Amino acid sequence: MTLPITLAIDTAAPRLQLALLLADGRCDSWVEDAATGHAEILFDRLAGLLARNGVGYADLGRVAVTTGPGSFTGLRIGLSAARGLGLARGLPVLGIPSLLALSLGAAGPVAVLLDARRGEAYFQAFSGPGVALGVPRLLPMAAARAAVPPGSALVQSPFVDIALVARFAAAAAPGDYPPQAGYVRDADAKPQDAARIPRRAG
C-alpha cells in the first residue's frame, strides 16, 4: 500500500519538529530547539524541508500535528499551522495526542509520564506503541509513578520522534484523530468576566 506524502508538526515541547514522509517511504526530519518563537520560524523551516526533498505544498497528502498535553502557546501555533494548511489545500489533518506519540518508539508495553509541575504528572499507559490502555490523566507525581504497570517501559522525555509520528499518521484513519488540543489540565489564565463590559442591547 502506498502511503500519502505526510507532513508532521510538533510544537508541544520546547522544540520545533517537522517530518516529511515521502512516497518512497523515506522520512526526512527537521528538529530545532525553540523554547519560544515557533510562529516566527515554522513556515521558513517547513519551506526548507520541502525544498530539499523536491516537494511542494500541492504534493502533500495529509498533515499531522501533536495535540498535547504541552505548551499552550506552542500547541496553538502547531494546530493553527496544520489546520491552515489543511484548509488551504483540502487535506485531511490528524491530531496525534502527544502521550500517544511518545509511546510510538516503544517495543512493547510502555507508560508515558511527563512532569506537569506542581508535583503532578501527565500519565497514560499503553499495551504497545500507540495502543492506549486508558485516557490521559493528570495525577500527583507519586500516584503516576505507582500507576506504571509492571513490565512496562517508562518514557519521561517530552520530545517525540517526529518521524514515527509521520509514519503513524500516514496509516491512521483521519476521523479517529481530530486536530483538537488535548490540554488535560485547564489553562492557568482565566477570562476576566468581572471586568467585561456588558453588550448593549438592541
N, C-alpha and C. Protein backbone atom coordinates (compact mmCIF):
# COMPACT_ATOMS: atom_id res chain seq x y z
N MET A 1 0.84 -1.19 0.00
CA MET A 1 0.00 0.00 0.00
C MET A 1 0.88 1.25 0.00
N THR A 2 0.60 2.14 -0.92
CA THR A 2 1.34 3.39 -0.98
C THR A 2 0.74 4.39 0.00
N LEU A 3 1.56 4.92 0.87
CA LEU A 3 1.08 5.88 1.86
C LEU A 3 1.14 7.29 1.29
N PRO A 4 0.24 8.17 1.74
CA PRO A 4 0.27 9.55 1.25
C PRO A 4 1.49 10.29 1.77
N ILE A 5 1.98 11.24 0.98
CA ILE A 5 3.04 12.12 1.48
C ILE A 5 2.48 12.87 2.67
N THR A 6 3.14 12.71 3.80
CA THR A 6 2.60 13.22 5.07
C THR A 6 3.58 14.16 5.74
N LEU A 7 3.06 15.31 6.13
CA LEU A 7 3.82 16.29 6.92
C LEU A 7 3.39 16.18 8.37
N ALA A 8 4.35 16.06 9.28
CA ALA A 8 4.05 16.03 10.71
C ALA A 8 4.70 17.23 11.39
N ILE A 9 3.96 17.84 12.31
CA ILE A 9 4.40 19.05 13.02
C ILE A 9 4.29 18.81 14.52
N ASP A 10 5.34 19.16 15.25
CA ASP A 10 5.28 19.10 16.72
C ASP A 10 5.83 20.40 17.30
N THR A 11 4.98 21.11 18.02
CA THR A 11 5.39 22.34 18.72
C THR A 11 4.95 22.28 20.18
N ALA A 12 4.65 21.09 20.69
CA ALA A 12 4.14 20.95 22.05
C ALA A 12 5.23 21.09 23.10
N ALA A 13 6.47 20.77 22.73
CA ALA A 13 7.61 20.85 23.65
C ALA A 13 8.54 21.98 23.19
N PRO A 14 9.57 22.29 23.96
CA PRO A 14 10.47 23.38 23.56
C PRO A 14 11.40 23.03 22.41
N ARG A 15 10.81 22.53 21.35
CA ARG A 15 11.49 22.27 20.09
C ARG A 15 10.49 22.49 18.97
N LEU A 16 11.01 22.82 17.79
CA LEU A 16 10.22 22.75 16.57
C LEU A 16 10.65 21.47 15.88
N GLN A 17 9.68 20.59 15.63
CA GLN A 17 9.99 19.34 14.96
C GLN A 17 9.05 19.19 13.75
N LEU A 18 9.65 18.92 12.61
CA LEU A 18 8.90 18.69 11.38
C LEU A 18 9.40 17.39 10.75
N ALA A 19 8.50 16.64 10.14
CA ALA A 19 8.91 15.44 9.41
C ALA A 19 8.09 15.35 8.14
N LEU A 20 8.74 14.87 7.10
CA LEU A 20 8.09 14.69 5.81
C LEU A 20 8.28 13.24 5.38
N LEU A 21 7.17 12.49 5.38
CA LEU A 21 7.19 11.11 4.91
C LEU A 21 6.90 11.12 3.42
N LEU A 22 7.84 10.60 2.63
CA LEU A 22 7.76 10.67 1.18
C LEU A 22 7.10 9.42 0.60
N ALA A 23 6.73 9.50 -0.67
CA ALA A 23 6.01 8.41 -1.32
C ALA A 23 6.83 7.13 -1.38
N ASP A 24 8.18 7.24 -1.39
CA ASP A 24 9.02 6.05 -1.45
C ASP A 24 9.32 5.47 -0.07
N GLY A 25 8.71 6.03 0.96
CA GLY A 25 8.88 5.50 2.31
C GLY A 25 9.97 6.17 3.12
N ARG A 26 10.79 7.01 2.47
CA ARG A 26 11.81 7.74 3.22
C ARG A 26 11.15 8.82 4.05
N CYS A 27 11.78 9.16 5.17
CA CYS A 27 11.26 10.23 6.03
C CYS A 27 12.40 11.18 6.36
N ASP A 28 12.19 12.45 6.09
CA ASP A 28 13.19 13.48 6.37
C ASP A 28 12.65 14.37 7.49
N SER A 29 13.49 14.72 8.43
CA SER A 29 13.05 15.49 9.59
C SER A 29 13.85 16.77 9.76
N TRP A 30 13.22 17.73 10.41
CA TRP A 30 13.89 18.97 10.81
C TRP A 30 13.61 19.15 12.30
N VAL A 31 14.65 19.20 13.11
CA VAL A 31 14.50 19.33 14.56
C VAL A 31 15.35 20.50 15.01
N GLU A 32 14.73 21.43 15.75
CA GLU A 32 15.43 22.63 16.17
C GLU A 32 14.95 23.04 17.56
N ASP A 33 15.87 23.21 18.49
CA ASP A 33 15.48 23.68 19.81
C ASP A 33 14.86 25.06 19.70
N ALA A 34 13.70 25.23 20.33
CA ALA A 34 12.99 26.52 20.26
C ALA A 34 12.02 26.59 21.42
N ALA A 35 12.48 27.13 22.53
CA ALA A 35 11.61 27.25 23.70
C ALA A 35 10.45 28.20 23.42
N THR A 36 10.70 29.22 22.61
CA THR A 36 9.66 30.16 22.19
C THR A 36 9.91 30.49 20.72
N GLY A 37 8.99 31.24 20.14
CA GLY A 37 9.20 31.72 18.77
C GLY A 37 8.89 30.73 17.68
N HIS A 38 8.12 29.68 17.99
CA HIS A 38 7.77 28.72 16.94
C HIS A 38 7.09 29.40 15.76
N ALA A 39 6.22 30.36 16.04
CA ALA A 39 5.45 31.00 14.97
C ALA A 39 6.35 31.71 13.98
N GLU A 40 7.45 32.28 14.47
CA GLU A 40 8.33 33.07 13.61
C GLU A 40 9.16 32.20 12.67
N ILE A 41 9.42 30.94 13.03
CA ILE A 41 10.32 30.11 12.23
C ILE A 41 9.64 28.94 11.54
N LEU A 42 8.42 28.59 11.94
CA LEU A 42 7.82 27.34 11.47
C LEU A 42 7.75 27.27 9.94
N PHE A 43 7.17 28.27 9.31
CA PHE A 43 6.96 28.16 7.86
C PHE A 43 8.26 28.31 7.08
N ASP A 44 9.22 29.05 7.62
CA ASP A 44 10.53 29.13 6.97
C ASP A 44 11.21 27.76 6.98
N ARG A 45 11.19 27.08 8.14
CA ARG A 45 11.81 25.76 8.24
C ARG A 45 11.05 24.73 7.41
N LEU A 46 9.74 24.87 7.37
CA LEU A 46 8.93 23.96 6.56
C LEU A 46 9.27 24.12 5.08
N ALA A 47 9.42 25.36 4.64
CA ALA A 47 9.78 25.60 3.24
C ALA A 47 11.12 24.96 2.91
N GLY A 48 12.08 25.04 3.84
CA GLY A 48 13.38 24.42 3.63
C GLY A 48 13.29 22.91 3.55
N LEU A 49 12.47 22.30 4.41
CA LEU A 49 12.30 20.85 4.42
C LEU A 49 11.68 20.38 3.10
N LEU A 50 10.65 21.07 2.66
CA LEU A 50 10.01 20.70 1.40
C LEU A 50 10.98 20.85 0.23
N ALA A 51 11.70 21.98 0.21
CA ALA A 51 12.58 22.27 -0.92
C ALA A 51 13.69 21.23 -1.06
N ARG A 52 14.27 20.82 0.06
CA ARG A 52 15.39 19.89 -0.05
C ARG A 52 14.95 18.49 -0.45
N ASN A 53 13.62 18.25 -0.44
CA ASN A 53 13.09 16.97 -0.89
C ASN A 53 12.34 17.08 -2.21
N GLY A 54 12.38 18.27 -2.82
CA GLY A 54 11.71 18.47 -4.11
C GLY A 54 10.21 18.31 -4.03
N VAL A 55 9.64 18.71 -2.90
CA VAL A 55 8.20 18.57 -2.66
C VAL A 55 7.58 19.96 -2.50
N GLY A 56 6.41 20.15 -3.08
CA GLY A 56 5.66 21.39 -2.90
C GLY A 56 4.43 21.14 -2.07
N TYR A 57 3.78 22.21 -1.64
CA TYR A 57 2.56 22.06 -0.85
C TYR A 57 1.51 21.24 -1.58
N ALA A 58 1.46 21.37 -2.91
CA ALA A 58 0.47 20.66 -3.71
C ALA A 58 0.69 19.14 -3.68
N ASP A 59 1.89 18.71 -3.29
CA ASP A 59 2.20 17.27 -3.26
C ASP A 59 1.77 16.60 -1.96
N LEU A 60 1.48 17.39 -0.94
CA LEU A 60 1.12 16.80 0.36
C LEU A 60 -0.20 16.06 0.28
N GLY A 61 -0.25 14.91 0.98
CA GLY A 61 -1.48 14.13 1.02
C GLY A 61 -2.24 14.27 2.31
N ARG A 62 -1.52 14.57 3.39
CA ARG A 62 -2.17 14.82 4.68
C ARG A 62 -1.19 15.51 5.61
N VAL A 63 -1.73 16.09 6.68
CA VAL A 63 -0.93 16.80 7.67
C VAL A 63 -1.27 16.24 9.04
N ALA A 64 -0.25 16.07 9.87
CA ALA A 64 -0.45 15.62 11.25
C ALA A 64 0.19 16.61 12.19
N VAL A 65 -0.39 16.75 13.37
CA VAL A 65 0.14 17.67 14.38
C VAL A 65 -0.08 17.07 15.76
N THR A 66 0.91 17.22 16.63
CA THR A 66 0.72 16.75 18.01
C THR A 66 -0.23 17.70 18.73
N THR A 67 -1.04 17.13 19.62
CA THR A 67 -2.11 17.91 20.25
C THR A 67 -1.96 18.09 21.75
N GLY A 68 -0.83 17.67 22.32
CA GLY A 68 -0.61 17.87 23.74
C GLY A 68 -1.00 16.66 24.56
N PRO A 69 -0.81 16.78 25.89
CA PRO A 69 -0.51 18.00 26.63
C PRO A 69 0.88 18.55 26.32
N GLY A 70 0.99 19.87 26.52
CA GLY A 70 2.24 20.55 26.25
C GLY A 70 2.05 22.04 26.42
N SER A 71 2.96 22.80 25.86
CA SER A 71 2.89 24.26 25.93
C SER A 71 1.61 24.78 25.30
N PHE A 72 0.85 25.58 26.03
CA PHE A 72 -0.40 26.12 25.50
C PHE A 72 -0.14 26.93 24.23
N THR A 73 0.86 27.80 24.29
CA THR A 73 1.17 28.63 23.13
C THR A 73 1.68 27.78 21.98
N GLY A 74 2.59 26.87 22.27
CA GLY A 74 3.13 26.01 21.23
C GLY A 74 2.06 25.19 20.54
N LEU A 75 1.15 24.61 21.33
CA LEU A 75 0.08 23.81 20.75
C LEU A 75 -0.79 24.63 19.81
N ARG A 76 -1.13 25.84 20.22
CA ARG A 76 -1.97 26.69 19.37
C ARG A 76 -1.27 27.00 18.05
N ILE A 77 0.03 27.23 18.10
CA ILE A 77 0.78 27.53 16.88
C ILE A 77 0.78 26.33 15.93
N GLY A 78 1.10 25.16 16.46
CA GLY A 78 1.13 23.97 15.62
C GLY A 78 -0.22 23.62 15.05
N LEU A 79 -1.25 23.69 15.87
CA LEU A 79 -2.60 23.38 15.40
C LEU A 79 -3.06 24.39 14.35
N SER A 80 -2.78 25.65 14.56
CA SER A 80 -3.18 26.67 13.59
C SER A 80 -2.50 26.45 12.26
N ALA A 81 -1.20 26.13 12.30
CA ALA A 81 -0.46 25.89 11.06
C ALA A 81 -1.01 24.68 10.33
N ALA A 82 -1.24 23.59 11.05
CA ALA A 82 -1.74 22.37 10.42
C ALA A 82 -3.14 22.57 9.85
N ARG A 83 -4.01 23.19 10.62
CA ARG A 83 -5.37 23.42 10.13
C ARG A 83 -5.36 24.36 8.93
N GLY A 84 -4.50 25.39 8.97
CA GLY A 84 -4.42 26.31 7.86
C GLY A 84 -3.98 25.62 6.58
N LEU A 85 -2.97 24.75 6.68
CA LEU A 85 -2.52 24.00 5.52
C LEU A 85 -3.62 23.07 5.02
N GLY A 86 -4.29 22.43 5.94
CA GLY A 86 -5.37 21.52 5.55
C GLY A 86 -6.48 22.24 4.84
N LEU A 87 -6.85 23.40 5.35
CA LEU A 87 -7.93 24.18 4.75
C LEU A 87 -7.52 24.70 3.37
N ALA A 88 -6.30 25.20 3.27
CA ALA A 88 -5.83 25.79 2.01
C ALA A 88 -5.69 24.75 0.91
N ARG A 89 -5.27 23.54 1.29
CA ARG A 89 -5.01 22.51 0.28
C ARG A 89 -6.08 21.43 0.22
N GLY A 90 -7.09 21.51 1.09
CA GLY A 90 -8.13 20.49 1.10
C GLY A 90 -7.61 19.13 1.57
N LEU A 91 -6.75 19.15 2.59
CA LEU A 91 -6.10 17.93 3.08
C LEU A 91 -6.70 17.48 4.40
N PRO A 92 -6.72 16.17 4.65
CA PRO A 92 -7.07 15.71 5.99
C PRO A 92 -5.99 16.12 6.98
N VAL A 93 -6.41 16.56 8.16
CA VAL A 93 -5.48 16.96 9.23
C VAL A 93 -5.74 16.05 10.43
N LEU A 94 -4.71 15.38 10.90
CA LEU A 94 -4.82 14.47 12.03
C LEU A 94 -4.16 15.08 13.25
N GLY A 95 -4.83 15.03 14.38
CA GLY A 95 -4.26 15.46 15.65
C GLY A 95 -3.81 14.25 16.44
N ILE A 96 -2.51 14.12 16.64
CA ILE A 96 -1.96 12.95 17.33
C ILE A 96 -1.63 13.34 18.76
N PRO A 97 -2.34 12.77 19.75
CA PRO A 97 -2.05 13.12 21.15
C PRO A 97 -0.58 12.89 21.49
N SER A 98 0.00 13.82 22.22
CA SER A 98 1.43 13.77 22.49
C SER A 98 1.85 12.54 23.28
N LEU A 99 1.03 12.10 24.24
CA LEU A 99 1.41 10.93 25.02
C LEU A 99 1.41 9.69 24.13
N LEU A 100 0.43 9.60 23.23
CA LEU A 100 0.43 8.51 22.26
C LEU A 100 1.66 8.59 21.37
N ALA A 101 1.98 9.79 20.90
CA ALA A 101 3.15 9.98 20.04
C ALA A 101 4.42 9.51 20.75
N LEU A 102 4.52 9.78 22.04
CA LEU A 102 5.71 9.38 22.80
C LEU A 102 5.79 7.87 22.99
N SER A 103 4.67 7.19 22.88
CA SER A 103 4.67 5.72 23.01
C SER A 103 5.15 5.01 21.76
N LEU A 104 5.25 5.72 20.65
CA LEU A 104 5.48 5.06 19.36
C LEU A 104 6.87 4.45 19.24
N GLY A 105 7.81 4.90 20.05
CA GLY A 105 9.16 4.35 19.98
C GLY A 105 9.36 3.10 20.81
N ALA A 106 8.32 2.67 21.52
CA ALA A 106 8.46 1.51 22.40
C ALA A 106 8.40 0.21 21.61
N ALA A 107 8.98 -0.84 22.19
CA ALA A 107 8.95 -2.16 21.57
C ALA A 107 7.88 -3.05 22.18
N GLY A 108 7.23 -2.57 23.23
CA GLY A 108 6.22 -3.36 23.92
C GLY A 108 5.42 -2.46 24.83
N PRO A 109 4.90 -2.99 25.95
CA PRO A 109 4.14 -2.16 26.88
C PRO A 109 4.95 -0.97 27.37
N VAL A 110 4.29 0.16 27.48
CA VAL A 110 5.01 1.39 27.84
C VAL A 110 4.07 2.30 28.61
N ALA A 111 4.62 3.04 29.56
CA ALA A 111 3.88 4.09 30.26
C ALA A 111 4.59 5.41 29.99
N VAL A 112 3.81 6.43 29.70
CA VAL A 112 4.36 7.76 29.46
C VAL A 112 4.02 8.63 30.66
N LEU A 113 5.04 9.24 31.25
CA LEU A 113 4.87 10.06 32.45
C LEU A 113 5.64 11.36 32.22
N LEU A 114 4.92 12.45 32.10
CA LEU A 114 5.55 13.75 31.86
C LEU A 114 5.34 14.67 33.05
N ASP A 115 6.39 15.34 33.47
CA ASP A 115 6.30 16.29 34.57
C ASP A 115 5.37 17.44 34.18
N ALA A 116 4.29 17.61 34.94
CA ALA A 116 3.34 18.69 34.69
C ALA A 116 3.53 19.84 35.68
N ARG A 117 4.60 19.77 36.48
CA ARG A 117 4.90 20.75 37.51
C ARG A 117 3.85 20.68 38.62
N ARG A 118 4.08 21.48 39.66
CA ARG A 118 3.20 21.49 40.85
C ARG A 118 3.07 20.11 41.50
N GLY A 119 4.08 19.27 41.32
CA GLY A 119 4.05 17.94 41.91
C GLY A 119 3.11 16.98 41.21
N GLU A 120 2.76 17.30 39.96
CA GLU A 120 1.83 16.47 39.20
C GLU A 120 2.49 15.95 37.92
N ALA A 121 1.83 14.96 37.30
CA ALA A 121 2.36 14.38 36.08
C ALA A 121 1.21 14.05 35.13
N TYR A 122 1.46 14.21 33.84
CA TYR A 122 0.56 13.68 32.82
C TYR A 122 0.93 12.21 32.65
N PHE A 123 -0.08 11.34 32.62
CA PHE A 123 0.19 9.90 32.62
C PHE A 123 -0.76 9.17 31.68
N GLN A 124 -0.20 8.19 30.97
CA GLN A 124 -1.01 7.27 30.18
C GLN A 124 -0.22 6.00 29.95
N ALA A 125 -0.90 4.87 30.04
CA ALA A 125 -0.26 3.57 29.81
C ALA A 125 -0.72 3.01 28.46
N PHE A 126 0.17 2.24 27.83
CA PHE A 126 -0.08 1.66 26.52
C PHE A 126 0.33 0.19 26.53
N SER A 127 -0.47 -0.66 25.88
CA SER A 127 -0.10 -2.08 25.78
C SER A 127 0.97 -2.30 24.73
N GLY A 128 1.14 -1.35 23.84
CA GLY A 128 2.15 -1.37 22.79
C GLY A 128 2.17 0.00 22.14
N PRO A 129 3.04 0.22 21.18
CA PRO A 129 3.13 1.53 20.55
C PRO A 129 1.79 2.00 19.99
N GLY A 130 1.29 3.12 20.52
CA GLY A 130 0.06 3.70 20.01
C GLY A 130 -1.23 3.02 20.43
N VAL A 131 -1.13 2.00 21.30
CA VAL A 131 -2.33 1.26 21.73
C VAL A 131 -2.61 1.61 23.19
N ALA A 132 -3.50 2.57 23.41
CA ALA A 132 -3.74 3.10 24.75
C ALA A 132 -4.55 2.13 25.61
N LEU A 133 -4.21 2.11 26.90
CA LEU A 133 -4.97 1.32 27.87
C LEU A 133 -5.99 2.17 28.62
N GLY A 134 -5.96 3.46 28.42
CA GLY A 134 -6.89 4.36 29.09
C GLY A 134 -6.66 5.76 28.56
N VAL A 135 -7.37 6.71 29.12
CA VAL A 135 -7.25 8.09 28.67
C VAL A 135 -6.09 8.78 29.41
N PRO A 136 -5.56 9.87 28.84
CA PRO A 136 -4.53 10.62 29.56
C PRO A 136 -5.08 11.17 30.87
N ARG A 137 -4.25 11.14 31.92
CA ARG A 137 -4.69 11.63 33.23
C ARG A 137 -3.65 12.57 33.81
N LEU A 138 -4.13 13.49 34.64
CA LEU A 138 -3.26 14.35 35.42
C LEU A 138 -3.29 13.83 36.85
N LEU A 139 -2.15 13.34 37.34
CA LEU A 139 -2.08 12.68 38.64
C LEU A 139 -1.00 13.31 39.50
N PRO A 140 -1.12 13.18 40.82
CA PRO A 140 0.03 13.51 41.66
C PRO A 140 1.22 12.67 41.21
N MET A 141 2.41 13.24 41.26
CA MET A 141 3.59 12.55 40.74
C MET A 141 3.76 11.16 41.34
N ALA A 142 3.58 11.04 42.66
CA ALA A 142 3.75 9.74 43.30
C ALA A 142 2.73 8.73 42.80
N ALA A 143 1.49 9.19 42.58
CA ALA A 143 0.44 8.30 42.08
C ALA A 143 0.73 7.87 40.65
N ALA A 144 1.27 8.77 39.86
CA ALA A 144 1.61 8.43 38.48
C ALA A 144 2.70 7.36 38.44
N ARG A 145 3.71 7.52 39.29
CA ARG A 145 4.79 6.53 39.31
C ARG A 145 4.25 5.17 39.78
N ALA A 146 3.33 5.20 40.71
CA ALA A 146 2.76 3.95 41.22
C ALA A 146 1.85 3.28 40.19
N ALA A 147 1.35 4.07 39.23
CA ALA A 147 0.41 3.54 38.24
C ALA A 147 1.09 2.87 37.06
N VAL A 148 2.42 2.94 36.98
CA VAL A 148 3.14 2.31 35.87
C VAL A 148 2.95 0.80 35.97
N PRO A 149 2.37 0.15 34.96
CA PRO A 149 2.15 -1.30 35.04
C PRO A 149 3.48 -2.06 35.10
N PRO A 150 3.51 -3.13 35.86
CA PRO A 150 4.74 -3.94 35.93
C PRO A 150 5.15 -4.42 34.54
N GLY A 151 6.44 -4.35 34.26
CA GLY A 151 6.94 -4.81 32.97
C GLY A 151 6.87 -3.79 31.86
N SER A 152 6.33 -2.61 32.15
CA SER A 152 6.23 -1.56 31.13
C SER A 152 7.49 -0.71 31.11
N ALA A 153 7.92 -0.36 29.91
CA ALA A 153 8.98 0.65 29.78
C ALA A 153 8.40 1.98 30.23
N LEU A 154 9.26 2.90 30.64
CA LEU A 154 8.82 4.20 31.12
C LEU A 154 9.44 5.30 30.27
N VAL A 155 8.60 6.14 29.68
CA VAL A 155 9.05 7.28 28.89
C VAL A 155 8.78 8.55 29.68
N GLN A 156 9.82 9.38 29.88
CA GLN A 156 9.66 10.62 30.63
C GLN A 156 10.15 11.84 29.86
N SER A 157 10.66 11.64 28.66
CA SER A 157 11.09 12.77 27.83
C SER A 157 9.90 13.36 27.10
N PRO A 158 9.80 14.68 26.99
CA PRO A 158 8.67 15.29 26.28
C PRO A 158 8.87 15.35 24.77
N PHE A 159 10.00 14.87 24.27
CA PHE A 159 10.33 15.03 22.86
C PHE A 159 9.95 13.79 22.06
N VAL A 160 8.98 13.95 21.18
CA VAL A 160 8.53 12.84 20.35
C VAL A 160 9.55 12.56 19.26
N ASP A 161 9.49 11.36 18.70
CA ASP A 161 10.23 11.04 17.47
C ASP A 161 9.30 11.44 16.33
N ILE A 162 9.56 12.59 15.73
CA ILE A 162 8.62 13.16 14.77
C ILE A 162 8.49 12.30 13.51
N ALA A 163 9.53 11.55 13.17
CA ALA A 163 9.43 10.64 12.02
C ALA A 163 8.42 9.54 12.30
N LEU A 164 8.41 9.02 13.51
CA LEU A 164 7.44 7.99 13.88
C LEU A 164 6.02 8.56 13.87
N VAL A 165 5.87 9.82 14.26
CA VAL A 165 4.56 10.46 14.21
C VAL A 165 4.07 10.53 12.76
N ALA A 166 4.95 10.90 11.84
CA ALA A 166 4.56 10.98 10.43
C ALA A 166 4.15 9.62 9.90
N ARG A 167 4.89 8.58 10.24
CA ARG A 167 4.56 7.24 9.76
C ARG A 167 3.23 6.76 10.36
N PHE A 168 3.03 7.03 11.63
CA PHE A 168 1.77 6.63 12.27
C PHE A 168 0.59 7.34 11.62
N ALA A 169 0.74 8.64 11.41
CA ALA A 169 -0.36 9.44 10.86
C ALA A 169 -0.66 9.06 9.42
N ALA A 170 0.36 8.66 8.67
CA ALA A 170 0.14 8.31 7.26
C ALA A 170 -0.78 7.11 7.11
N ALA A 171 -0.77 6.21 8.11
CA ALA A 171 -1.57 5.00 8.03
C ALA A 171 -2.85 5.05 8.86
N ALA A 172 -3.02 6.10 9.68
CA ALA A 172 -4.16 6.19 10.59
C ALA A 172 -5.40 6.72 9.86
N ALA A 173 -6.56 6.43 10.44
CA ALA A 173 -7.82 6.95 9.90
C ALA A 173 -8.01 8.38 10.41
N PRO A 174 -8.09 9.35 9.51
CA PRO A 174 -8.20 10.75 9.95
C PRO A 174 -9.35 11.00 10.92
N GLY A 175 -10.47 10.34 10.73
CA GLY A 175 -11.62 10.55 11.61
C GLY A 175 -11.39 10.14 13.05
N ASP A 176 -10.38 9.30 13.27
CA ASP A 176 -10.08 8.84 14.64
C ASP A 176 -9.21 9.84 15.40
N TYR A 177 -8.65 10.81 14.70
CA TYR A 177 -7.69 11.72 15.33
C TYR A 177 -7.99 13.17 14.95
N PRO A 178 -9.04 13.76 15.55
CA PRO A 178 -9.38 15.15 15.23
C PRO A 178 -8.28 16.10 15.71
N PRO A 179 -8.02 17.16 14.96
CA PRO A 179 -6.97 18.12 15.33
C PRO A 179 -7.44 19.11 16.38
N GLN A 180 -7.58 18.61 17.61
CA GLN A 180 -8.05 19.44 18.72
C GLN A 180 -7.06 19.33 19.87
N ALA A 181 -6.79 20.44 20.51
CA ALA A 181 -5.82 20.45 21.61
C ALA A 181 -6.28 19.56 22.76
N GLY A 182 -5.34 18.79 23.30
CA GLY A 182 -5.62 17.94 24.45
C GLY A 182 -4.81 18.43 25.64
N TYR A 183 -5.30 19.46 26.30
CA TYR A 183 -4.52 20.10 27.36
C TYR A 183 -4.42 19.26 28.63
N VAL A 184 -5.44 18.43 28.93
CA VAL A 184 -5.55 17.63 30.16
C VAL A 184 -5.76 18.53 31.37
N ARG A 185 -4.88 19.51 31.56
CA ARG A 185 -5.05 20.49 32.65
C ARG A 185 -5.64 21.76 32.04
N ASP A 186 -6.55 22.41 32.77
CA ASP A 186 -7.13 23.67 32.31
C ASP A 186 -6.06 24.75 32.24
N ALA A 187 -6.28 25.72 31.40
CA ALA A 187 -5.35 26.84 31.27
C ALA A 187 -5.27 27.62 32.57
N ASP A 188 -4.07 28.14 32.87
CA ASP A 188 -3.90 28.95 34.07
C ASP A 188 -4.62 30.28 33.93
N ALA A 189 -4.59 30.85 32.74
CA ALA A 189 -5.24 32.15 32.53
C ALA A 189 -6.75 31.96 32.43
N LYS A 190 -7.48 32.71 33.19
CA LYS A 190 -8.93 32.63 33.20
C LYS A 190 -9.54 33.90 32.65
N PRO A 191 -10.67 33.80 31.94
CA PRO A 191 -11.33 35.01 31.45
C PRO A 191 -11.70 35.94 32.59
N GLN A 192 -11.49 37.22 32.41
CA GLN A 192 -11.81 38.21 33.43
C GLN A 192 -13.25 38.69 33.24
N ASP A 193 -14.19 37.81 33.58
CA ASP A 193 -15.60 38.12 33.34
C ASP A 193 -16.08 39.35 34.11
N ALA A 194 -15.52 39.55 35.30
CA ALA A 194 -15.98 40.67 36.13
C ALA A 194 -15.66 42.01 35.48
N ALA A 195 -14.60 42.03 34.68
CA ALA A 195 -14.18 43.28 34.06
C ALA A 195 -14.78 43.50 32.68
N ARG A 196 -15.57 42.52 32.21
CA ARG A 196 -16.13 42.61 30.89
C ARG A 196 -17.19 43.70 30.81
N ILE A 197 -17.22 44.42 29.74
CA ILE A 197 -18.25 45.46 29.54
C ILE A 197 -19.48 44.79 28.96
N PRO A 198 -20.63 44.93 29.61
CA PRO A 198 -21.86 44.30 29.08
C PRO A 198 -22.17 44.81 27.68
N ARG A 199 -22.63 43.88 26.83
CA ARG A 199 -23.01 44.27 25.49
C ARG A 199 -24.32 45.03 25.53
N ARG A 200 -24.36 46.09 24.78
CA ARG A 200 -25.55 46.92 24.76
C ARG A 200 -26.68 46.22 24.02
N ALA A 201 -27.85 46.19 24.62
CA ALA A 201 -29.00 45.54 24.00
C ALA A 201 -29.47 46.34 22.79
N GLY A 202 -30.01 45.60 21.83
CA GLY A 202 -30.56 46.29 20.65
C GLY A 202 -29.49 46.59 19.67
